[in-house]
Amino acid sequence: MAAYKGRFVPKNPQKYKGDPTNIIYRSSWEMRFMKYLDENPNIIQWASEELFIPYKSPLDGKWHRYFPDFIIRMRDKEGKITVKMIEIKPRSQAVPPSPRAKGHHTKKYLKEVAVFGINNAKWNAAKEYCDNRNWQFVVLTEKELGI
């Protein structure tokens, strides 16, 4: 994922829930997804990092705030309205890191374990939040985004 950040200007600002003059993307993947949300007629409303979910970090045992990338209200193929919480992440951060040979825990591997542990804690909190509201929680990686 490119280290890429900027301000997104929607063509359909009425669809954005929040301040449409202050939409920030943190990757080219997020920017592309924002364009899709803005232009897709089945997307009724969307927001980016407009709500937070508390989660307990497995690293320090403290409570933190997780801001999911997107909340979307959409019309599905049957015409039913559904709400989805979407997180966009590289696949390498969405799956557990591969264990190394015994005794070869490099700094890189330990960082991968920490990142996955934090993501897992955030996503478990997000799934519970969504389950309580009849929403869906989805993690999109480069595979699902077709990148």
N, C-alpha and C. Protein backbone atom coordinates (compact mmCIF):
# COMPACT_ATOMS: atom_id res chain seq x y z
N MET A 1 0.85 -1.17 0.00
CA MET A 1 0.00 0.00 0.00
C MET A 1 0.89 1.23 0.00
N ALA A 2 0.59 2.15 -0.86
CA ALA A 2 1.40 3.36 -0.98
C ALA A 2 1.21 4.25 0.23
N ALA A 3 2.29 4.89 0.64
CA ALA A 3 2.20 5.90 1.69
C ALA A 3 1.70 7.16 1.00
N TYR A 4 0.41 7.37 1.05
CA TYR A 4 -0.27 8.29 0.17
C TYR A 4 -1.39 8.92 0.98
N LYS A 5 -1.45 10.23 1.05
CA LYS A 5 -2.46 10.87 1.87
C LYS A 5 -2.94 12.13 1.17
N GLY A 6 -4.21 12.45 1.35
CA GLY A 6 -4.72 13.67 0.76
C GLY A 6 -6.16 13.90 1.13
N ARG A 7 -6.74 14.92 0.52
CA ARG A 7 -8.13 15.30 0.76
C ARG A 7 -8.97 14.87 -0.44
N PHE A 8 -10.09 14.21 -0.15
CA PHE A 8 -10.99 13.75 -1.19
C PHE A 8 -12.13 14.76 -1.34
N VAL A 9 -12.40 15.16 -2.57
CA VAL A 9 -13.50 16.08 -2.87
C VAL A 9 -14.58 15.29 -3.60
N PRO A 10 -15.70 15.03 -2.92
CA PRO A 10 -16.75 14.21 -3.56
C PRO A 10 -17.52 14.97 -4.63
N LYS A 11 -17.96 14.23 -5.65
CA LYS A 11 -18.84 14.80 -6.68
C LYS A 11 -20.27 14.86 -6.16
N ASN A 12 -20.56 13.99 -5.18
CA ASN A 12 -21.90 13.90 -4.59
C ASN A 12 -21.83 14.14 -3.08
N PRO A 13 -21.54 15.36 -2.66
CA PRO A 13 -21.33 15.63 -1.23
C PRO A 13 -22.55 15.34 -0.36
N GLN A 14 -23.75 15.34 -0.95
CA GLN A 14 -24.96 15.05 -0.18
C GLN A 14 -24.98 13.60 0.31
N LYS A 15 -24.21 12.71 -0.31
CA LYS A 15 -24.15 11.31 0.12
C LYS A 15 -23.24 11.11 1.32
N TYR A 16 -22.40 12.10 1.60
CA TYR A 16 -21.42 11.94 2.67
C TYR A 16 -22.03 12.34 4.02
N LYS A 17 -21.90 11.44 5.01
CA LYS A 17 -22.39 11.73 6.35
C LYS A 17 -21.21 12.28 7.14
N GLY A 18 -21.24 13.55 7.39
CA GLY A 18 -20.13 14.23 8.04
C GLY A 18 -19.81 15.48 7.23
N ASP A 19 -18.63 16.00 7.43
CA ASP A 19 -18.22 17.22 6.73
C ASP A 19 -17.59 16.84 5.39
N PRO A 20 -18.29 17.07 4.27
CA PRO A 20 -17.75 16.66 2.97
C PRO A 20 -16.55 17.49 2.51
N THR A 21 -16.21 18.55 3.26
CA THR A 21 -15.04 19.35 2.90
C THR A 21 -13.80 18.88 3.67
N ASN A 22 -13.98 17.84 4.51
CA ASN A 22 -12.85 17.37 5.32
C ASN A 22 -12.74 15.85 5.27
N ILE A 23 -12.74 15.30 4.06
CA ILE A 23 -12.60 13.84 3.88
C ILE A 23 -11.14 13.56 3.54
N ILE A 24 -10.49 12.78 4.40
CA ILE A 24 -9.06 12.49 4.25
C ILE A 24 -8.87 11.02 3.89
N TYR A 25 -8.07 10.76 2.87
CA TYR A 25 -7.68 9.37 2.58
C TYR A 25 -6.24 9.19 3.02
N ARG A 26 -5.92 7.98 3.46
CA ARG A 26 -4.59 7.67 3.98
C ARG A 26 -3.82 6.69 3.12
N SER A 27 -4.42 6.35 1.97
CA SER A 27 -3.75 5.46 1.01
C SER A 27 -4.43 5.61 -0.34
N SER A 28 -3.73 5.20 -1.39
CA SER A 28 -4.34 5.24 -2.72
C SER A 28 -5.52 4.27 -2.78
N TRP A 29 -5.47 3.20 -1.99
CA TRP A 29 -6.57 2.24 -1.96
C TRP A 29 -7.82 2.91 -1.40
N GLU A 30 -7.65 3.66 -0.30
CA GLU A 30 -8.79 4.36 0.29
C GLU A 30 -9.34 5.40 -0.69
N MET A 31 -8.45 6.10 -1.39
CA MET A 31 -8.88 7.12 -2.34
C MET A 31 -9.74 6.47 -3.44
N ARG A 32 -9.30 5.35 -3.97
CA ARG A 32 -10.05 4.64 -5.01
C ARG A 32 -11.41 4.17 -4.49
N PHE A 33 -11.42 3.70 -3.25
CA PHE A 33 -12.68 3.22 -2.66
C PHE A 33 -13.63 4.39 -2.43
N MET A 34 -13.11 5.53 -2.03
CA MET A 34 -13.95 6.73 -1.84
C MET A 34 -14.60 7.13 -3.16
N LYS A 35 -13.85 7.08 -4.22
CA LYS A 35 -14.38 7.42 -5.54
C LYS A 35 -15.52 6.46 -5.91
N TYR A 36 -15.30 5.17 -5.64
CA TYR A 36 -16.33 4.15 -5.89
C TYR A 36 -17.60 4.47 -5.08
N LEU A 37 -17.44 4.77 -3.79
CA LEU A 37 -18.59 5.07 -2.93
C LEU A 37 -19.33 6.31 -3.42
N ASP A 38 -18.58 7.33 -3.78
CA ASP A 38 -19.15 8.60 -4.22
C ASP A 38 -19.95 8.44 -5.51
N GLU A 39 -19.46 7.61 -6.43
CA GLU A 39 -20.06 7.51 -7.76
C GLU A 39 -21.05 6.36 -7.93
N ASN A 40 -21.07 5.40 -7.01
CA ASN A 40 -21.94 4.23 -7.16
C ASN A 40 -23.37 4.59 -6.73
N PRO A 41 -24.35 4.42 -7.63
CA PRO A 41 -25.73 4.79 -7.28
C PRO A 41 -26.35 3.90 -6.20
N ASN A 42 -25.78 2.71 -5.94
CA ASN A 42 -26.30 1.84 -4.89
C ASN A 42 -25.81 2.23 -3.50
N ILE A 43 -24.85 3.13 -3.43
CA ILE A 43 -24.38 3.64 -2.15
C ILE A 43 -25.26 4.84 -1.80
N ILE A 44 -26.04 4.71 -0.74
CA ILE A 44 -26.98 5.75 -0.34
C ILE A 44 -26.27 6.81 0.50
N GLN A 45 -25.41 6.34 1.40
CA GLN A 45 -24.70 7.25 2.29
C GLN A 45 -23.39 6.58 2.72
N TRP A 46 -22.37 7.40 2.95
CA TRP A 46 -21.10 6.86 3.42
C TRP A 46 -20.40 7.87 4.31
N ALA A 47 -19.50 7.34 5.13
CA ALA A 47 -18.70 8.17 6.02
C ALA A 47 -17.32 7.53 6.14
N SER A 48 -16.33 8.36 6.43
CA SER A 48 -14.96 7.87 6.59
C SER A 48 -14.39 8.36 7.92
N GLU A 49 -14.05 7.41 8.77
CA GLU A 49 -13.47 7.70 10.09
C GLU A 49 -14.31 8.70 10.89
N GLU A 50 -15.63 8.57 10.81
CA GLU A 50 -16.53 9.49 11.50
C GLU A 50 -17.02 8.95 12.85
N LEU A 51 -16.68 7.69 13.17
CA LEU A 51 -17.11 7.12 14.44
C LEU A 51 -15.97 6.31 15.02
N PHE A 52 -15.95 6.17 16.36
CA PHE A 52 -14.90 5.35 16.95
C PHE A 52 -15.51 4.24 17.79
N ILE A 53 -14.73 3.18 17.92
CA ILE A 53 -15.12 2.01 18.71
C ILE A 53 -14.00 1.78 19.73
N PRO A 54 -14.33 1.69 21.02
CA PRO A 54 -13.29 1.39 22.01
C PRO A 54 -12.83 -0.06 21.89
N TYR A 55 -11.54 -0.27 22.06
CA TYR A 55 -11.00 -1.63 22.06
C TYR A 55 -9.84 -1.68 23.05
N LYS A 56 -9.60 -2.86 23.58
CA LYS A 56 -8.51 -3.05 24.54
C LYS A 56 -7.31 -3.62 23.81
N SER A 57 -6.20 -2.92 23.88
CA SER A 57 -4.99 -3.36 23.19
C SER A 57 -4.37 -4.57 23.89
N PRO A 58 -3.99 -5.58 23.10
CA PRO A 58 -3.31 -6.74 23.69
C PRO A 58 -1.86 -6.41 24.07
N LEU A 59 -1.36 -5.26 23.61
CA LEU A 59 0.03 -4.91 23.91
C LEU A 59 0.18 -4.23 25.26
N ASP A 60 -0.71 -3.25 25.54
CA ASP A 60 -0.56 -2.53 26.80
C ASP A 60 -1.73 -2.74 27.76
N GLY A 61 -2.76 -3.49 27.33
CA GLY A 61 -3.91 -3.76 28.18
C GLY A 61 -4.80 -2.55 28.43
N LYS A 62 -4.54 -1.45 27.71
CA LYS A 62 -5.32 -0.23 27.90
C LYS A 62 -6.37 -0.09 26.80
N TRP A 63 -7.36 0.74 27.11
CA TRP A 63 -8.41 1.03 26.13
C TRP A 63 -7.94 2.10 25.16
N HIS A 64 -8.26 1.89 23.90
CA HIS A 64 -7.91 2.82 22.82
C HIS A 64 -9.15 3.03 21.96
N ARG A 65 -9.05 3.97 21.01
CA ARG A 65 -10.17 4.23 20.10
C ARG A 65 -9.80 3.80 18.68
N TYR A 66 -10.68 3.03 18.09
CA TYR A 66 -10.51 2.56 16.72
C TYR A 66 -11.50 3.32 15.83
N PHE A 67 -10.98 3.96 14.79
CA PHE A 67 -11.80 4.67 13.82
C PHE A 67 -11.84 3.85 12.54
N PRO A 68 -12.93 3.09 12.30
CA PRO A 68 -13.01 2.29 11.07
C PRO A 68 -12.94 3.17 9.84
N ASP A 69 -12.39 2.64 8.77
CA ASP A 69 -12.22 3.42 7.55
C ASP A 69 -13.54 3.94 6.99
N PHE A 70 -14.55 3.07 6.91
CA PHE A 70 -15.80 3.47 6.27
C PHE A 70 -17.02 2.85 6.93
N ILE A 71 -18.11 3.61 6.94
CA ILE A 71 -19.44 3.09 7.24
C ILE A 71 -20.26 3.43 5.99
N ILE A 72 -20.89 2.42 5.43
CA ILE A 72 -21.69 2.67 4.22
C ILE A 72 -23.11 2.12 4.39
N ARG A 73 -24.06 2.87 3.89
CA ARG A 73 -25.45 2.43 3.80
C ARG A 73 -25.69 2.22 2.31
N MET A 74 -26.09 1.00 1.96
CA MET A 74 -26.19 0.67 0.54
C MET A 74 -27.43 -0.15 0.23
N ARG A 75 -27.77 -0.16 -1.03
CA ARG A 75 -28.86 -0.98 -1.54
C ARG A 75 -28.22 -2.20 -2.17
N ASP A 76 -28.62 -3.40 -1.71
CA ASP A 76 -28.03 -4.62 -2.28
C ASP A 76 -28.78 -5.02 -3.56
N LYS A 77 -28.39 -6.16 -4.14
CA LYS A 77 -28.96 -6.60 -5.42
C LYS A 77 -30.47 -6.83 -5.36
N GLU A 78 -30.96 -7.17 -4.17
CA GLU A 78 -32.41 -7.40 -4.00
C GLU A 78 -33.15 -6.10 -3.66
N GLY A 79 -32.42 -4.99 -3.54
CA GLY A 79 -33.03 -3.72 -3.21
C GLY A 79 -33.11 -3.45 -1.72
N LYS A 80 -32.62 -4.39 -0.91
CA LYS A 80 -32.65 -4.24 0.54
C LYS A 80 -31.52 -3.30 0.98
N ILE A 81 -31.80 -2.47 1.97
CA ILE A 81 -30.78 -1.54 2.47
C ILE A 81 -30.00 -2.21 3.60
N THR A 82 -28.68 -2.20 3.45
CA THR A 82 -27.80 -2.78 4.46
C THR A 82 -26.74 -1.75 4.86
N VAL A 83 -26.17 -1.96 6.03
CA VAL A 83 -25.09 -1.10 6.51
C VAL A 83 -23.85 -1.97 6.71
N LYS A 84 -22.74 -1.47 6.20
CA LYS A 84 -21.47 -2.19 6.34
C LYS A 84 -20.41 -1.25 6.92
N MET A 85 -19.59 -1.82 7.78
CA MET A 85 -18.40 -1.15 8.28
C MET A 85 -17.24 -1.79 7.53
N ILE A 86 -16.43 -0.95 6.88
CA ILE A 86 -15.37 -1.45 6.01
C ILE A 86 -14.01 -0.98 6.53
N GLU A 87 -13.08 -1.90 6.59
CA GLU A 87 -11.68 -1.58 6.90
C GLU A 87 -10.86 -2.00 5.68
N ILE A 88 -9.94 -1.14 5.25
CA ILE A 88 -9.06 -1.45 4.13
C ILE A 88 -7.65 -1.62 4.67
N LYS A 89 -7.08 -2.80 4.43
CA LYS A 89 -5.75 -3.12 4.95
C LYS A 89 -5.01 -4.01 3.95
N PRO A 90 -3.68 -3.92 3.93
CA PRO A 90 -2.93 -4.90 3.14
C PRO A 90 -3.14 -6.30 3.72
N ARG A 91 -3.19 -7.27 2.86
CA ARG A 91 -3.40 -8.66 3.31
C ARG A 91 -2.37 -9.05 4.37
N SER A 92 -1.15 -8.55 4.23
CA SER A 92 -0.10 -8.91 5.19
C SER A 92 -0.45 -8.49 6.62
N GLN A 93 -1.35 -7.50 6.78
CA GLN A 93 -1.76 -7.07 8.13
C GLN A 93 -3.09 -7.68 8.55
N ALA A 94 -3.71 -8.43 7.65
CA ALA A 94 -5.03 -9.00 7.93
C ALA A 94 -4.99 -10.49 8.24
N VAL A 95 -3.83 -11.09 8.13
CA VAL A 95 -3.67 -12.52 8.43
C VAL A 95 -2.53 -12.66 9.44
N PRO A 96 -2.59 -13.71 10.27
CA PRO A 96 -1.50 -13.89 11.24
C PRO A 96 -0.16 -14.07 10.51
N PRO A 97 0.92 -13.47 11.05
CA PRO A 97 2.22 -13.64 10.40
C PRO A 97 2.68 -15.09 10.47
N SER A 98 3.42 -15.50 9.47
CA SER A 98 3.95 -16.86 9.44
C SER A 98 5.02 -17.01 10.51
N PRO A 99 4.92 -18.07 11.32
CA PRO A 99 5.95 -18.26 12.35
C PRO A 99 7.32 -18.52 11.74
N ARG A 100 8.32 -18.00 12.37
CA ARG A 100 9.70 -18.19 11.92
C ARG A 100 10.27 -19.44 12.59
N ALA A 101 11.43 -19.84 12.13
CA ALA A 101 12.11 -20.98 12.75
C ALA A 101 12.34 -20.66 14.22
N LYS A 102 12.29 -21.68 15.06
CA LYS A 102 12.46 -21.50 16.50
C LYS A 102 13.73 -20.71 16.80
N GLY A 103 13.56 -19.69 17.64
CA GLY A 103 14.70 -18.88 18.04
C GLY A 103 15.06 -17.78 17.06
N HIS A 104 14.29 -17.62 15.98
CA HIS A 104 14.60 -16.60 14.97
C HIS A 104 13.50 -15.55 14.89
N HIS A 105 13.13 -15.00 16.03
CA HIS A 105 12.10 -13.96 16.06
C HIS A 105 12.76 -12.61 15.84
N THR A 106 12.76 -12.20 14.60
CA THR A 106 13.38 -10.93 14.24
C THR A 106 12.51 -9.77 14.68
N LYS A 107 13.06 -8.56 14.67
CA LYS A 107 12.28 -7.35 15.00
C LYS A 107 11.11 -7.22 14.03
N LYS A 108 11.35 -7.54 12.76
CA LYS A 108 10.29 -7.45 11.74
C LYS A 108 9.13 -8.39 12.10
N TYR A 109 9.45 -9.63 12.46
CA TYR A 109 8.42 -10.59 12.82
C TYR A 109 7.65 -10.13 14.06
N LEU A 110 8.36 -9.66 15.07
CA LEU A 110 7.70 -9.20 16.29
C LEU A 110 6.78 -8.02 16.01
N LYS A 111 7.19 -7.14 15.10
CA LYS A 111 6.34 -6.01 14.71
C LYS A 111 5.08 -6.52 13.99
N GLU A 112 5.26 -7.51 13.10
CA GLU A 112 4.11 -8.09 12.39
C GLU A 112 3.12 -8.71 13.37
N VAL A 113 3.63 -9.40 14.38
CA VAL A 113 2.78 -10.01 15.40
C VAL A 113 2.01 -8.92 16.16
N ALA A 114 2.70 -7.84 16.51
CA ALA A 114 2.07 -6.73 17.24
C ALA A 114 0.97 -6.08 16.39
N VAL A 115 1.28 -5.79 15.13
CA VAL A 115 0.30 -5.14 14.24
C VAL A 115 -0.92 -6.04 14.07
N PHE A 116 -0.70 -7.33 13.85
CA PHE A 116 -1.83 -8.24 13.69
C PHE A 116 -2.64 -8.32 14.98
N GLY A 117 -1.96 -8.37 16.12
CA GLY A 117 -2.66 -8.45 17.41
C GLY A 117 -3.55 -7.25 17.65
N ILE A 118 -3.04 -6.06 17.35
CA ILE A 118 -3.83 -4.84 17.51
C ILE A 118 -5.00 -4.83 16.52
N ASN A 119 -4.72 -5.17 15.26
CA ASN A 119 -5.80 -5.22 14.26
C ASN A 119 -6.88 -6.21 14.68
N ASN A 120 -6.48 -7.36 15.17
CA ASN A 120 -7.42 -8.38 15.59
C ASN A 120 -8.30 -7.86 16.74
N ALA A 121 -7.70 -7.16 17.70
CA ALA A 121 -8.46 -6.60 18.82
C ALA A 121 -9.46 -5.55 18.31
N LYS A 122 -9.01 -4.69 17.40
CA LYS A 122 -9.89 -3.67 16.81
C LYS A 122 -11.06 -4.35 16.08
N TRP A 123 -10.75 -5.35 15.28
CA TRP A 123 -11.76 -5.98 14.45
C TRP A 123 -12.75 -6.80 15.26
N ASN A 124 -12.29 -7.40 16.35
CA ASN A 124 -13.23 -8.12 17.23
C ASN A 124 -14.20 -7.14 17.86
N ALA A 125 -13.70 -5.97 18.29
CA ALA A 125 -14.57 -4.93 18.84
C ALA A 125 -15.54 -4.43 17.77
N ALA A 126 -15.05 -4.25 16.55
CA ALA A 126 -15.90 -3.78 15.45
C ALA A 126 -16.97 -4.81 15.12
N LYS A 127 -16.62 -6.09 15.11
CA LYS A 127 -17.60 -7.14 14.81
C LYS A 127 -18.72 -7.13 15.86
N GLU A 128 -18.35 -6.99 17.12
CA GLU A 128 -19.35 -6.95 18.19
C GLU A 128 -20.25 -5.72 18.02
N TYR A 129 -19.65 -4.57 17.73
CA TYR A 129 -20.39 -3.33 17.50
C TYR A 129 -21.39 -3.53 16.37
N CYS A 130 -20.92 -4.11 15.27
CA CYS A 130 -21.78 -4.34 14.11
C CYS A 130 -22.87 -5.37 14.40
N ASP A 131 -22.52 -6.45 15.08
CA ASP A 131 -23.51 -7.48 15.41
C ASP A 131 -24.66 -6.89 16.23
N ASN A 132 -24.33 -5.97 17.14
CA ASN A 132 -25.35 -5.34 17.99
C ASN A 132 -26.29 -4.42 17.20
N ARG A 133 -25.91 -4.07 15.97
CA ARG A 133 -26.71 -3.14 15.15
C ARG A 133 -27.23 -3.79 13.86
N ASN A 134 -26.98 -5.08 13.70
CA ASN A 134 -27.36 -5.77 12.45
C ASN A 134 -26.61 -5.22 11.25
N TRP A 135 -25.38 -4.81 11.46
CA TRP A 135 -24.50 -4.34 10.39
C TRP A 135 -23.55 -5.48 10.04
N GLN A 136 -22.82 -5.31 8.95
CA GLN A 136 -21.77 -6.26 8.58
C GLN A 136 -20.41 -5.58 8.75
N PHE A 137 -19.43 -6.34 9.21
CA PHE A 137 -18.06 -5.83 9.28
C PHE A 137 -17.25 -6.57 8.23
N VAL A 138 -16.52 -5.81 7.39
CA VAL A 138 -15.77 -6.40 6.29
C VAL A 138 -14.37 -5.79 6.23
N VAL A 139 -13.36 -6.65 6.11
CA VAL A 139 -11.99 -6.19 5.86
C VAL A 139 -11.70 -6.44 4.38
N LEU A 140 -11.34 -5.37 3.69
CA LEU A 140 -10.99 -5.49 2.27
C LEU A 140 -9.48 -5.36 2.12
N THR A 141 -8.89 -6.31 1.41
CA THR A 141 -7.45 -6.27 1.13
C THR A 141 -7.25 -6.04 -0.37
N GLU A 142 -6.02 -6.02 -0.79
CA GLU A 142 -5.73 -5.83 -2.21
C GLU A 142 -6.43 -6.88 -3.07
N LYS A 143 -6.65 -8.07 -2.51
CA LYS A 143 -7.32 -9.14 -3.25
C LYS A 143 -8.76 -8.74 -3.56
N GLU A 144 -9.52 -8.32 -2.55
CA GLU A 144 -10.92 -7.94 -2.75
C GLU A 144 -11.05 -6.65 -3.57
N LEU A 145 -10.07 -5.77 -3.44
CA LEU A 145 -10.11 -4.50 -4.17
C LEU A 145 -9.62 -4.65 -5.62
N GLY A 146 -9.09 -5.83 -5.95
CA GLY A 146 -8.61 -6.07 -7.30
C GLY A 146 -7.36 -5.28 -7.66
N ILE A 147 -6.50 -5.12 -6.66
CA ILE A 147 -5.27 -4.33 -6.85
C ILE A 147 -4.06 -5.26 -6.92
